[in-house]
């Protein structure tokens, strides 16, 4: 509408906050007219007719293009543009500060390691409490199939076998450790008796 005036668009994420505070910009979007001698900031409503009046009053120029009084203005930022700018901001931060991203991901993993055992124990308690008594007749015809599957896969039996395997491997490892310890002791005793005889 005013091609005689040079316009510059600055995104919030692309400039330092000190620049905005220097010009008194505290909210978005903002319109600031600057020349060599003065600086004027627009504080009115964000509708097209009041913006045109501001330009006329400040610059003394007439708009080149005609407009309707009730024509909306696109100054209000939508949710999608905010989302895109925040997404762009995250990409910029990840490029500029890789150690910050690494430390945040480390903290998230620590939190996951802290929370995961509690969630797992609650899930096991839920499984033991509710799944064996689960009424599968609510599914109609599939209840027979589901019942057969649950009888075929006995979770408690599988869990018990897994525990037995673990304890069996542990006992075998303990026996191997005893054998190693006794053989090392006999070798050590043999060496000490050989030294004492010479």
N, C-alpha and C. Protein backbone atom coordinates (compact mmCIF):
# COMPACT_ATOMS: atom_id res chain seq x y z
N UNK A 1 0.81 -1.19 0.00
CA UNK A 1 0.00 0.00 0.00
C UNK A 1 0.86 1.26 0.00
N UNK A 2 2.01 1.20 0.61
CA UNK A 2 2.92 2.34 0.65
C UNK A 2 4.27 1.89 0.09
N UNK A 3 4.41 1.80 -1.24
CA UNK A 3 5.68 1.32 -1.81
C UNK A 3 6.82 2.33 -1.67
N UNK A 4 6.50 3.59 -1.35
CA UNK A 4 7.54 4.60 -1.19
C UNK A 4 8.36 4.37 0.07
N UNK A 5 7.79 3.64 1.03
CA UNK A 5 8.44 3.42 2.32
C UNK A 5 9.09 2.04 2.29
N UNK A 6 10.35 1.99 2.67
CA UNK A 6 11.03 0.70 2.76
C UNK A 6 10.60 0.00 4.05
N UNK A 7 10.22 -1.25 3.91
CA UNK A 7 9.79 -2.04 5.06
C UNK A 7 10.81 -3.13 5.34
N UNK A 8 11.03 -3.39 6.60
CA UNK A 8 11.95 -4.43 7.03
C UNK A 8 11.21 -5.32 8.03
N UNK A 9 11.20 -6.60 7.77
CA UNK A 9 10.55 -7.56 8.67
C UNK A 9 11.62 -8.29 9.47
N UNK A 10 11.48 -8.29 10.77
CA UNK A 10 12.43 -8.96 11.65
C UNK A 10 11.67 -9.98 12.49
N UNK A 11 12.12 -11.22 12.46
CA UNK A 11 11.51 -12.25 13.30
C UNK A 11 12.08 -12.15 14.71
N UNK A 12 11.27 -12.54 15.66
CA UNK A 12 11.68 -12.45 17.06
C UNK A 12 12.90 -13.33 17.33
N UNK A 13 12.97 -14.48 16.67
CA UNK A 13 14.06 -15.42 16.94
C UNK A 13 15.36 -15.04 16.26
N UNK A 14 15.31 -14.09 15.32
CA UNK A 14 16.52 -13.79 14.56
C UNK A 14 17.32 -12.62 15.11
N UNK A 15 16.87 -11.98 16.16
CA UNK A 15 17.60 -10.83 16.72
C UNK A 15 17.72 -10.98 18.23
N UNK A 16 18.69 -10.30 18.78
CA UNK A 16 18.92 -10.35 20.22
C UNK A 16 17.86 -9.53 20.95
N UNK A 17 17.49 -9.93 22.17
CA UNK A 17 16.48 -9.19 22.94
C UNK A 17 16.90 -7.75 23.25
N UNK A 18 18.19 -7.48 23.32
CA UNK A 18 18.63 -6.12 23.62
C UNK A 18 18.25 -5.14 22.51
N UNK A 19 18.22 -5.62 21.28
CA UNK A 19 17.82 -4.75 20.17
C UNK A 19 16.36 -4.35 20.31
N UNK A 20 15.52 -5.32 20.67
CA UNK A 20 14.10 -5.02 20.82
C UNK A 20 13.86 -4.08 22.00
N UNK A 21 14.57 -4.28 23.09
CA UNK A 21 14.37 -3.39 24.24
C UNK A 21 14.90 -1.99 23.95
N UNK A 22 15.92 -1.87 23.12
CA UNK A 22 16.45 -0.56 22.75
C UNK A 22 15.40 0.26 22.00
N UNK A 23 14.61 -0.41 21.15
CA UNK A 23 13.57 0.29 20.39
C UNK A 23 12.22 0.26 21.09
N UNK A 24 12.12 -0.32 22.27
CA UNK A 24 10.88 -0.33 23.03
C UNK A 24 9.85 -1.32 22.52
N UNK A 25 10.29 -2.38 21.90
CA UNK A 25 9.37 -3.40 21.38
C UNK A 25 9.23 -4.49 22.43
N UNK A 26 8.01 -4.64 22.94
CA UNK A 26 7.76 -5.63 23.99
C UNK A 26 6.70 -6.65 23.60
N UNK A 27 6.00 -6.43 22.51
CA UNK A 27 4.97 -7.38 22.08
C UNK A 27 5.07 -7.56 20.57
N UNK A 28 4.47 -8.65 20.11
CA UNK A 28 4.54 -8.97 18.68
C UNK A 28 3.15 -9.09 18.12
N UNK A 29 2.88 -8.70 16.92
CA UNK A 29 3.73 -7.96 15.99
C UNK A 29 3.78 -6.48 16.36
N UNK A 30 4.84 -5.80 15.97
CA UNK A 30 5.01 -4.38 16.26
C UNK A 30 5.39 -3.65 14.98
N UNK A 31 4.97 -2.40 14.90
CA UNK A 31 5.32 -1.55 13.76
C UNK A 31 6.10 -0.36 14.31
N UNK A 32 7.27 -0.15 13.75
CA UNK A 32 8.16 0.92 14.19
C UNK A 32 8.63 1.66 12.94
N UNK A 33 8.42 2.96 12.91
CA UNK A 33 8.88 3.77 11.77
C UNK A 33 10.08 4.59 12.24
N UNK A 34 11.19 4.43 11.53
CA UNK A 34 12.44 5.07 11.93
C UNK A 34 13.00 5.82 10.72
N UNK A 35 13.43 7.07 10.94
CA UNK A 35 14.22 7.77 9.93
C UNK A 35 15.46 8.33 10.63
N UNK A 36 16.18 9.23 9.98
CA UNK A 36 17.44 9.71 10.55
C UNK A 36 17.24 10.53 11.82
N UNK A 37 16.11 11.19 11.93
CA UNK A 37 15.92 12.09 13.07
C UNK A 37 14.92 11.61 14.11
N UNK A 38 13.99 10.76 13.73
CA UNK A 38 12.96 10.38 14.71
C UNK A 38 12.59 8.90 14.58
N UNK A 39 11.83 8.49 15.59
CA UNK A 39 11.39 7.11 15.63
C UNK A 39 9.98 7.11 16.24
N UNK A 40 9.02 6.45 15.56
CA UNK A 40 7.63 6.42 16.00
C UNK A 40 7.17 4.97 16.01
N UNK A 41 6.52 4.59 17.13
CA UNK A 41 6.01 3.22 17.25
C UNK A 41 4.49 3.26 17.24
N UNK A 42 3.88 2.32 16.54
CA UNK A 42 2.43 2.24 16.43
C UNK A 42 1.88 1.49 17.63
N UNK A 43 0.89 2.10 18.33
CA UNK A 43 0.29 1.49 19.51
C UNK A 43 -1.19 1.19 19.35
N UNK A 44 -1.76 1.46 18.19
CA UNK A 44 -3.20 1.33 18.00
C UNK A 44 -3.65 -0.10 17.72
N UNK A 45 -4.94 -0.23 17.38
CA UNK A 45 -5.48 -1.56 17.06
C UNK A 45 -4.89 -2.07 15.75
N UNK A 46 -4.85 -3.36 15.61
CA UNK A 46 -4.23 -3.96 14.44
C UNK A 46 -5.27 -4.25 13.36
N UNK A 47 -5.93 -3.19 12.92
CA UNK A 47 -6.85 -3.29 11.79
C UNK A 47 -6.33 -2.38 10.70
N UNK A 48 -6.69 -2.69 9.46
CA UNK A 48 -6.08 -2.03 8.32
C UNK A 48 -6.38 -0.53 8.25
N UNK A 49 -7.59 -0.15 8.57
CA UNK A 49 -7.94 1.28 8.46
C UNK A 49 -7.13 2.13 9.43
N UNK A 50 -6.94 1.66 10.66
CA UNK A 50 -6.15 2.45 11.62
C UNK A 50 -4.67 2.45 11.25
N UNK A 51 -4.18 1.36 10.65
CA UNK A 51 -2.78 1.36 10.18
C UNK A 51 -2.58 2.36 9.05
N UNK A 52 -3.54 2.42 8.13
CA UNK A 52 -3.43 3.38 7.02
C UNK A 52 -3.46 4.81 7.56
N UNK A 53 -4.30 5.08 8.55
CA UNK A 53 -4.34 6.41 9.16
C UNK A 53 -3.01 6.73 9.84
N UNK A 54 -2.42 5.75 10.50
CA UNK A 54 -1.11 5.95 11.14
C UNK A 54 -0.06 6.31 10.10
N UNK A 55 -0.02 5.56 8.98
CA UNK A 55 0.94 5.85 7.92
C UNK A 55 0.71 7.25 7.34
N UNK A 56 -0.55 7.60 7.10
CA UNK A 56 -0.86 8.93 6.54
C UNK A 56 -0.41 10.03 7.49
N UNK A 57 -0.73 9.86 8.76
CA UNK A 57 -0.39 10.89 9.76
C UNK A 57 1.11 11.02 9.94
N UNK A 58 1.82 9.89 9.96
CA UNK A 58 3.26 9.91 10.23
C UNK A 58 4.06 10.36 9.01
N UNK A 59 3.72 9.84 7.83
CA UNK A 59 4.54 10.12 6.65
C UNK A 59 3.96 11.20 5.75
N UNK A 60 2.64 11.41 5.82
CA UNK A 60 2.01 12.38 4.93
C UNK A 60 1.75 11.82 3.55
N UNK A 61 1.97 10.55 3.33
CA UNK A 61 1.77 9.92 2.03
C UNK A 61 0.39 9.26 1.97
N UNK A 62 -0.14 9.17 0.75
CA UNK A 62 -1.41 8.50 0.52
C UNK A 62 -1.14 7.05 0.09
N UNK A 63 -2.05 6.14 0.45
CA UNK A 63 -1.85 4.75 0.01
C UNK A 63 -2.05 4.62 -1.49
N UNK A 64 -1.27 3.80 -2.13
CA UNK A 64 -1.35 3.60 -3.57
C UNK A 64 -2.54 2.71 -3.92
N UNK A 65 -2.83 1.74 -3.11
CA UNK A 65 -3.89 0.77 -3.38
C UNK A 65 -5.13 1.12 -2.55
N UNK A 66 -6.31 1.00 -3.17
CA UNK A 66 -7.56 1.22 -2.44
C UNK A 66 -7.86 0.00 -1.57
N UNK A 67 -8.56 0.23 -0.50
CA UNK A 67 -8.91 -0.87 0.40
C UNK A 67 -10.30 -0.66 0.95
N UNK A 68 -10.92 -1.74 1.38
CA UNK A 68 -12.24 -1.67 1.99
C UNK A 68 -12.08 -1.43 3.48
N UNK A 69 -13.08 -0.79 4.09
CA UNK A 69 -12.98 -0.46 5.51
C UNK A 69 -12.97 -1.70 6.40
N UNK A 70 -13.71 -2.73 6.01
CA UNK A 70 -13.80 -3.92 6.87
C UNK A 70 -12.83 -5.01 6.46
N UNK A 71 -11.82 -4.67 5.67
CA UNK A 71 -10.85 -5.66 5.22
C UNK A 71 -9.94 -6.04 6.39
N UNK A 72 -9.82 -7.33 6.69
CA UNK A 72 -8.98 -7.73 7.83
C UNK A 72 -7.50 -7.62 7.49
N UNK A 73 -6.73 -7.52 8.52
CA UNK A 73 -5.28 -7.44 8.35
C UNK A 73 -4.64 -8.73 8.84
N UNK A 74 -3.54 -9.08 8.27
CA UNK A 74 -2.88 -10.34 8.60
C UNK A 74 -1.75 -10.14 9.58
N UNK A 75 -1.87 -9.15 10.46
CA UNK A 75 -0.80 -8.93 11.43
C UNK A 75 -0.83 -9.91 12.58
N UNK A 76 -2.02 -10.38 12.92
CA UNK A 76 -2.12 -11.30 14.06
C UNK A 76 -1.45 -12.60 13.68
N UNK A 77 -0.57 -13.07 14.53
CA UNK A 77 0.15 -14.30 14.23
C UNK A 77 -0.70 -15.49 14.63
N UNK A 78 -0.75 -16.48 13.77
CA UNK A 78 -1.55 -17.67 14.03
C UNK A 78 -0.76 -18.72 14.77
N UNK A 79 -1.45 -19.78 15.15
CA UNK A 79 -0.79 -20.86 15.89
C UNK A 79 0.23 -21.57 15.03
N UNK A 80 -0.04 -21.71 13.71
CA UNK A 80 0.89 -22.44 12.86
C UNK A 80 2.20 -21.68 12.71
N UNK A 81 2.13 -20.34 12.57
CA UNK A 81 3.37 -19.59 12.43
C UNK A 81 4.17 -19.62 13.72
N UNK A 82 3.49 -19.57 14.88
CA UNK A 82 4.21 -19.68 16.15
C UNK A 82 4.86 -21.04 16.27
N UNK A 83 4.15 -22.08 15.83
CA UNK A 83 4.72 -23.42 15.90
C UNK A 83 5.92 -23.54 14.99
N UNK A 84 5.82 -22.99 13.77
CA UNK A 84 6.94 -23.08 12.86
C UNK A 84 8.14 -22.29 13.37
N UNK A 85 7.89 -21.09 13.92
CA UNK A 85 9.02 -20.31 14.41
C UNK A 85 9.66 -20.98 15.63
N UNK A 86 8.85 -21.61 16.49
CA UNK A 86 9.44 -22.30 17.64
C UNK A 86 10.20 -23.53 17.17
N UNK A 87 9.70 -24.20 16.14
CA UNK A 87 10.40 -25.35 15.59
C UNK A 87 11.72 -24.90 14.97
N UNK A 88 11.71 -23.78 14.27
CA UNK A 88 12.92 -23.22 13.69
C UNK A 88 13.90 -22.83 14.80
N UNK A 89 13.37 -22.28 15.89
CA UNK A 89 14.21 -21.89 17.01
C UNK A 89 14.90 -23.10 17.61
N UNK A 90 14.17 -24.22 17.76
CA UNK A 90 14.78 -25.44 18.30
C UNK A 90 15.90 -25.94 17.40
N UNK A 91 15.70 -25.87 16.10
CA UNK A 91 16.76 -26.30 15.18
C UNK A 91 17.99 -25.41 15.31
N UNK A 92 17.77 -24.11 15.44
CA UNK A 92 18.90 -23.19 15.58
C UNK A 92 19.66 -23.45 16.87
N UNK A 93 18.94 -23.66 17.96
CA UNK A 93 19.60 -23.92 19.24
C UNK A 93 20.38 -25.23 19.17
N UNK A 94 19.80 -26.24 18.53
CA UNK A 94 20.51 -27.52 18.45
C UNK A 94 21.77 -27.40 17.61
N UNK A 95 21.77 -26.51 16.62
CA UNK A 95 22.98 -26.32 15.82
C UNK A 95 24.02 -25.50 16.57
N UNK A 96 23.56 -24.46 17.29
CA UNK A 96 24.49 -23.58 18.00
C UNK A 96 25.02 -24.18 19.29
N UNK A 97 24.16 -24.91 20.01
CA UNK A 97 24.52 -25.43 21.33
C UNK A 97 24.33 -26.94 21.39
N UNK A 98 25.23 -27.71 20.79
CA UNK A 98 25.05 -29.17 20.82
C UNK A 98 25.21 -29.75 22.23
N UNK A 99 26.03 -29.13 23.07
CA UNK A 99 26.21 -29.64 24.43
C UNK A 99 24.95 -29.44 25.27
N UNK A 100 24.22 -28.36 25.01
CA UNK A 100 22.96 -28.14 25.70
C UNK A 100 21.95 -29.24 25.34
N UNK A 101 21.88 -29.56 24.06
CA UNK A 101 20.97 -30.63 23.62
C UNK A 101 21.40 -31.96 24.23
N UNK A 102 22.70 -32.20 24.26
CA UNK A 102 23.21 -33.45 24.84
C UNK A 102 22.88 -33.52 26.33
N UNK A 103 23.04 -32.43 27.05
CA UNK A 103 22.77 -32.45 28.49
C UNK A 103 21.28 -32.61 28.77
N UNK A 104 20.42 -31.98 27.97
CA UNK A 104 18.98 -32.15 28.16
C UNK A 104 18.56 -33.58 27.86
N UNK A 105 19.12 -34.16 26.80
CA UNK A 105 18.78 -35.56 26.51
C UNK A 105 19.30 -36.48 27.60
N UNK A 106 20.47 -36.17 28.18
CA UNK A 106 20.99 -36.97 29.28
C UNK A 106 20.06 -36.90 30.49
N UNK A 107 19.57 -35.70 30.81
CA UNK A 107 18.64 -35.55 31.93
C UNK A 107 17.34 -36.31 31.68
N UNK A 108 16.86 -36.27 30.45
CA UNK A 108 15.63 -37.02 30.13
C UNK A 108 15.86 -38.52 30.28
N UNK A 109 17.01 -39.01 29.86
CA UNK A 109 17.30 -40.43 30.03
C UNK A 109 17.45 -40.80 31.50
N UNK A 110 18.07 -39.93 32.29
CA UNK A 110 18.17 -40.19 33.73
C UNK A 110 16.78 -40.26 34.37
N UNK A 111 15.90 -39.36 33.96
CA UNK A 111 14.53 -39.37 34.46
C UNK A 111 13.82 -40.65 34.05
N UNK A 112 14.04 -41.09 32.83
CA UNK A 112 13.44 -42.34 32.36
C UNK A 112 13.96 -43.53 33.15
N UNK A 113 15.25 -43.56 33.43
CA UNK A 113 15.83 -44.65 34.22
C UNK A 113 15.29 -44.62 35.65
N UNK A 114 15.03 -43.44 36.16
CA UNK A 114 14.49 -43.31 37.51
C UNK A 114 13.03 -43.76 37.58
N UNK A 115 12.25 -43.42 36.55
CA UNK A 115 10.81 -43.71 36.56
C UNK A 115 10.51 -45.12 36.07
N UNK A 116 11.30 -45.66 35.14
CA UNK A 116 10.98 -46.92 34.49
C UNK A 116 10.78 -48.09 35.46
N UNK A 117 11.62 -48.28 36.49
CA UNK A 117 11.38 -49.41 37.40
C UNK A 117 10.03 -49.32 38.12
N UNK A 118 9.64 -48.13 38.51
CA UNK A 118 8.34 -47.98 39.19
C UNK A 118 7.19 -48.30 38.24
N UNK A 119 7.29 -47.84 37.01
CA UNK A 119 6.24 -48.12 36.02
C UNK A 119 6.20 -49.61 35.72
N UNK A 120 7.36 -50.22 35.60
CA UNK A 120 7.42 -51.66 35.32
C UNK A 120 6.82 -52.47 36.46
N UNK A 121 7.12 -52.10 37.70
CA UNK A 121 6.56 -52.85 38.83
C UNK A 121 5.05 -52.67 38.91
N UNK A 122 4.55 -51.48 38.61
CA UNK A 122 3.09 -51.27 38.61
C UNK A 122 2.43 -52.05 37.48
N UNK A 123 3.09 -52.12 36.33
CA UNK A 123 2.54 -52.90 35.23
C UNK A 123 2.50 -54.38 35.59
N UNK A 124 3.55 -54.89 36.24
CA UNK A 124 3.55 -56.29 36.68
C UNK A 124 2.44 -56.54 37.70
N UNK A 125 2.25 -55.61 38.62
CA UNK A 125 1.17 -55.77 39.61
C UNK A 125 -0.19 -55.76 38.93
N UNK A 126 -0.37 -54.90 37.95
CA UNK A 126 -1.62 -54.88 37.19
C UNK A 126 -1.83 -56.20 36.46
N UNK A 127 -0.76 -56.71 35.85
CA UNK A 127 -0.85 -57.96 35.10
C UNK A 127 -1.24 -59.11 36.02
N UNK A 128 -0.60 -59.20 37.16
CA UNK A 128 -0.89 -60.29 38.09
C UNK A 128 -2.30 -60.16 38.66
N UNK A 129 -2.74 -58.93 38.90
CA UNK A 129 -4.03 -58.73 39.54
C UNK A 129 -5.20 -58.92 38.58
N UNK A 130 -5.12 -58.34 37.39
CA UNK A 130 -6.30 -58.27 36.54
C UNK A 130 -6.31 -59.24 35.36
N UNK A 131 -5.18 -59.54 34.77
CA UNK A 131 -5.18 -60.35 33.55
C UNK A 131 -5.66 -61.78 33.79
N UNK A 132 -5.28 -62.49 34.85
CA UNK A 132 -5.81 -63.85 35.03
C UNK A 132 -7.33 -63.87 35.22
N UNK A 133 -7.92 -62.79 35.74
CA UNK A 133 -9.36 -62.74 35.98
C UNK A 133 -10.09 -61.96 34.89
N UNK A 134 -9.44 -61.72 33.78
CA UNK A 134 -10.01 -60.90 32.71
C UNK A 134 -11.15 -61.65 32.04
N UNK A 135 -12.31 -61.03 31.96
CA UNK A 135 -13.49 -61.65 31.36
C UNK A 135 -13.45 -61.40 29.86
N UNK A 136 -13.18 -62.46 29.10
CA UNK A 136 -13.06 -62.30 27.66
C UNK A 136 -14.38 -62.49 26.93
N UNK A 137 -15.46 -62.71 27.64
CA UNK A 137 -16.74 -62.90 26.98
C UNK A 137 -17.30 -61.60 26.43
N UNK A 138 -16.72 -60.49 26.82
CA UNK A 138 -17.21 -59.21 26.29
C UNK A 138 -16.87 -59.07 24.82
N UNK A 139 -15.93 -59.87 24.32
CA UNK A 139 -15.56 -59.80 22.91
C UNK A 139 -16.41 -60.71 22.03
N UNK A 140 -17.34 -61.44 22.60
CA UNK A 140 -18.23 -62.30 21.81
C UNK A 140 -17.54 -63.57 21.38
N UNK A 141 -17.50 -63.83 20.07
CA UNK A 141 -16.95 -65.07 19.55
C UNK A 141 -15.45 -65.18 19.75
N UNK A 142 -14.78 -64.08 19.82
CA UNK A 142 -13.33 -64.14 19.97
C UNK A 142 -12.91 -64.59 21.36
N UNK A 143 -13.87 -64.68 22.29
CA UNK A 143 -13.50 -65.06 23.65
C UNK A 143 -12.94 -66.47 23.70
N UNK A 144 -13.45 -67.37 22.89
CA UNK A 144 -12.93 -68.74 22.88
C UNK A 144 -11.50 -68.77 22.36
N UNK A 145 -11.26 -68.01 21.29
CA UNK A 145 -9.90 -67.97 20.72
C UNK A 145 -8.94 -67.36 21.73
N UNK A 146 -9.35 -66.26 22.34
CA UNK A 146 -8.48 -65.61 23.31
C UNK A 146 -8.24 -66.52 24.51
N UNK A 147 -9.26 -67.24 24.93
CA UNK A 147 -9.10 -68.17 26.04
C UNK A 147 -8.11 -69.26 25.72
N UNK A 148 -8.18 -69.78 24.51
CA UNK A 148 -7.22 -70.82 24.09
C UNK A 148 -5.80 -70.27 24.05
N UNK A 149 -5.67 -69.04 23.55
CA UNK A 149 -4.33 -68.44 23.49
C UNK A 149 -3.77 -68.27 24.89
N UNK A 150 -4.60 -67.80 25.83
CA UNK A 150 -4.11 -67.62 27.20
C UNK A 150 -3.77 -68.96 27.84
N UNK A 151 -4.51 -70.03 27.51
CA UNK A 151 -4.15 -71.34 28.05
C UNK A 151 -2.89 -71.89 27.42
N UNK A 152 -2.69 -71.58 26.12
CA UNK A 152 -1.48 -72.06 25.45
C UNK A 152 -0.25 -71.35 26.00
N UNK A 153 -0.36 -70.07 26.23
CA UNK A 153 0.77 -69.30 26.74
C UNK A 153 0.51 -69.03 28.21
N UNK A 154 1.03 -69.85 29.04
CA UNK A 154 0.88 -69.66 30.48
C UNK A 154 2.03 -68.76 30.94
N UNK A 155 1.69 -67.54 31.25
CA UNK A 155 2.70 -66.53 31.56
C UNK A 155 3.46 -66.88 32.83
N UNK A 156 2.73 -67.37 33.82
CA UNK A 156 3.41 -67.70 35.08
C UNK A 156 4.41 -68.83 34.89
N UNK A 157 4.04 -69.82 34.07
CA UNK A 157 4.95 -70.93 33.83
C UNK A 157 6.20 -70.44 33.11
N UNK A 158 6.02 -69.58 32.11
CA UNK A 158 7.17 -69.03 31.38
C UNK A 158 8.05 -68.22 32.32
N UNK A 159 7.44 -67.42 33.17
CA UNK A 159 8.19 -66.60 34.13
C UNK A 159 8.97 -67.48 35.10
N UNK A 160 8.34 -68.57 35.57
CA UNK A 160 9.02 -69.50 36.49
C UNK A 160 10.19 -70.17 35.80
N UNK A 161 10.00 -70.61 34.55
CA UNK A 161 11.11 -71.23 33.81
C UNK A 161 12.26 -70.25 33.63
N UNK A 162 11.94 -69.02 33.35
CA UNK A 162 12.98 -68.01 33.19
C UNK A 162 13.75 -67.82 34.49
N UNK A 163 13.05 -67.78 35.61
CA UNK A 163 13.72 -67.65 36.91
C UNK A 163 14.61 -68.85 37.19
N UNK A 164 14.10 -70.05 36.89
CA UNK A 164 14.90 -71.26 37.12
C UNK A 164 16.16 -71.24 36.27
N UNK A 165 16.04 -70.81 35.03
CA UNK A 165 17.23 -70.73 34.17
C UNK A 165 18.24 -69.75 34.74
N UNK A 166 17.75 -68.63 35.23
CA UNK A 166 18.67 -67.64 35.81
C UNK A 166 19.36 -68.19 37.04
N UNK A 167 18.60 -68.83 37.94
CA UNK A 167 19.23 -69.37 39.15
C UNK A 167 20.15 -70.53 38.81
N UNK A 168 19.78 -71.34 37.82
CA UNK A 168 20.63 -72.46 37.41
C UNK A 168 21.96 -71.93 36.87
N UNK A 169 21.91 -70.90 36.02
CA UNK A 169 23.14 -70.30 35.50
C UNK A 169 23.96 -69.69 36.62
N UNK A 170 23.29 -69.09 37.60
CA UNK A 170 24.00 -68.49 38.72
C UNK A 170 24.71 -69.57 39.53
N UNK A 171 24.02 -70.69 39.80
CA UNK A 171 24.64 -71.77 40.58
C UNK A 171 25.81 -72.40 39.82
N UNK A 172 25.66 -72.56 38.50
CA UNK A 172 26.78 -73.10 37.71
C UNK A 172 27.97 -72.15 37.76
N UNK A 173 27.71 -70.87 37.67
CA UNK A 173 28.79 -69.89 37.76
C UNK A 173 29.46 -69.93 39.12
N UNK A 174 28.65 -70.12 40.18
CA UNK A 174 29.22 -70.20 41.52
C UNK A 174 30.09 -71.44 41.66
N UNK A 175 29.63 -72.57 41.09
CA UNK A 175 30.45 -73.79 41.14
C UNK A 175 31.75 -73.59 40.39
N UNK A 176 31.69 -72.97 39.23
CA UNK A 176 32.91 -72.71 38.47
C UNK A 176 33.85 -71.80 39.25
N UNK A 177 33.32 -70.84 39.96
CA UNK A 177 34.16 -69.95 40.76
C UNK A 177 34.83 -70.72 41.89
N UNK A 178 34.09 -71.66 42.51
CA UNK A 178 34.70 -72.47 43.58
C UNK A 178 35.83 -73.33 43.03
N UNK A 179 35.60 -73.92 41.84
CA UNK A 179 36.64 -74.77 41.23
C UNK A 179 37.87 -73.93 40.95
N UNK A 180 37.68 -72.75 40.38
CA UNK A 180 38.81 -71.88 40.10
C UNK A 180 39.54 -71.48 41.39
N UNK A 181 38.77 -71.14 42.40
CA UNK A 181 39.39 -70.73 43.66
C UNK A 181 40.19 -71.87 44.27
N UNK A 182 39.64 -73.09 44.24
CA UNK A 182 40.37 -74.22 44.83
C UNK A 182 41.62 -74.54 44.02
N UNK A 183 41.54 -74.46 42.68
CA UNK A 183 42.72 -74.75 41.87
C UNK A 183 43.78 -73.68 42.08
N UNK A 184 43.37 -72.42 42.20
CA UNK A 184 44.35 -71.37 42.45
C UNK A 184 44.98 -71.52 43.83
N UNK A 185 44.17 -71.94 44.80
CA UNK A 185 44.71 -72.15 46.14
C UNK A 185 45.71 -73.29 46.15
N UNK A 186 45.39 -74.37 45.43
CA UNK A 186 46.33 -75.49 45.40
C UNK A 186 47.61 -75.12 44.68
N UNK A 187 47.51 -74.32 43.62
CA UNK A 187 48.71 -73.87 42.92
C UNK A 187 49.52 -72.97 43.84
N UNK A 188 48.84 -72.09 44.57
CA UNK A 188 49.54 -71.19 45.48
C UNK A 188 50.20 -71.97 46.60
N UNK A 189 49.52 -73.00 47.13
CA UNK A 189 50.11 -73.82 48.18
C UNK A 189 51.29 -74.62 47.64
N UNK A 190 51.17 -75.11 46.41
CA UNK A 190 52.27 -75.86 45.79
C UNK A 190 53.49 -74.99 45.60
N UNK A 191 53.30 -73.75 45.21
CA UNK A 191 54.42 -72.84 45.02
C UNK A 191 55.09 -72.51 46.35
N UNK A 192 54.29 -72.30 47.39
CA UNK A 192 54.89 -71.96 48.68
C UNK A 192 55.64 -73.16 49.27
N UNK A 193 55.14 -74.38 49.07
CA UNK A 193 55.85 -75.55 49.59
C UNK A 193 57.12 -75.80 48.80
N UNK A 194 57.12 -75.51 47.49
CA UNK A 194 58.31 -75.68 46.67
C UNK A 194 59.37 -74.66 47.08
N UNK A 195 58.99 -73.49 47.44
CA UNK A 195 59.95 -72.47 47.86
C UNK A 195 60.55 -72.83 49.22
N UNK A 196 59.72 -73.34 50.12
CA UNK A 196 60.23 -73.66 51.45
C UNK A 196 61.19 -74.85 51.43
N UNK A 197 61.05 -75.76 50.46
CA UNK A 197 61.95 -76.92 50.40
C UNK A 197 63.29 -76.55 49.81
N UNK A 198 63.42 -75.46 49.06
CA UNK A 198 64.72 -75.08 48.49
C UNK A 198 65.50 -74.17 49.35
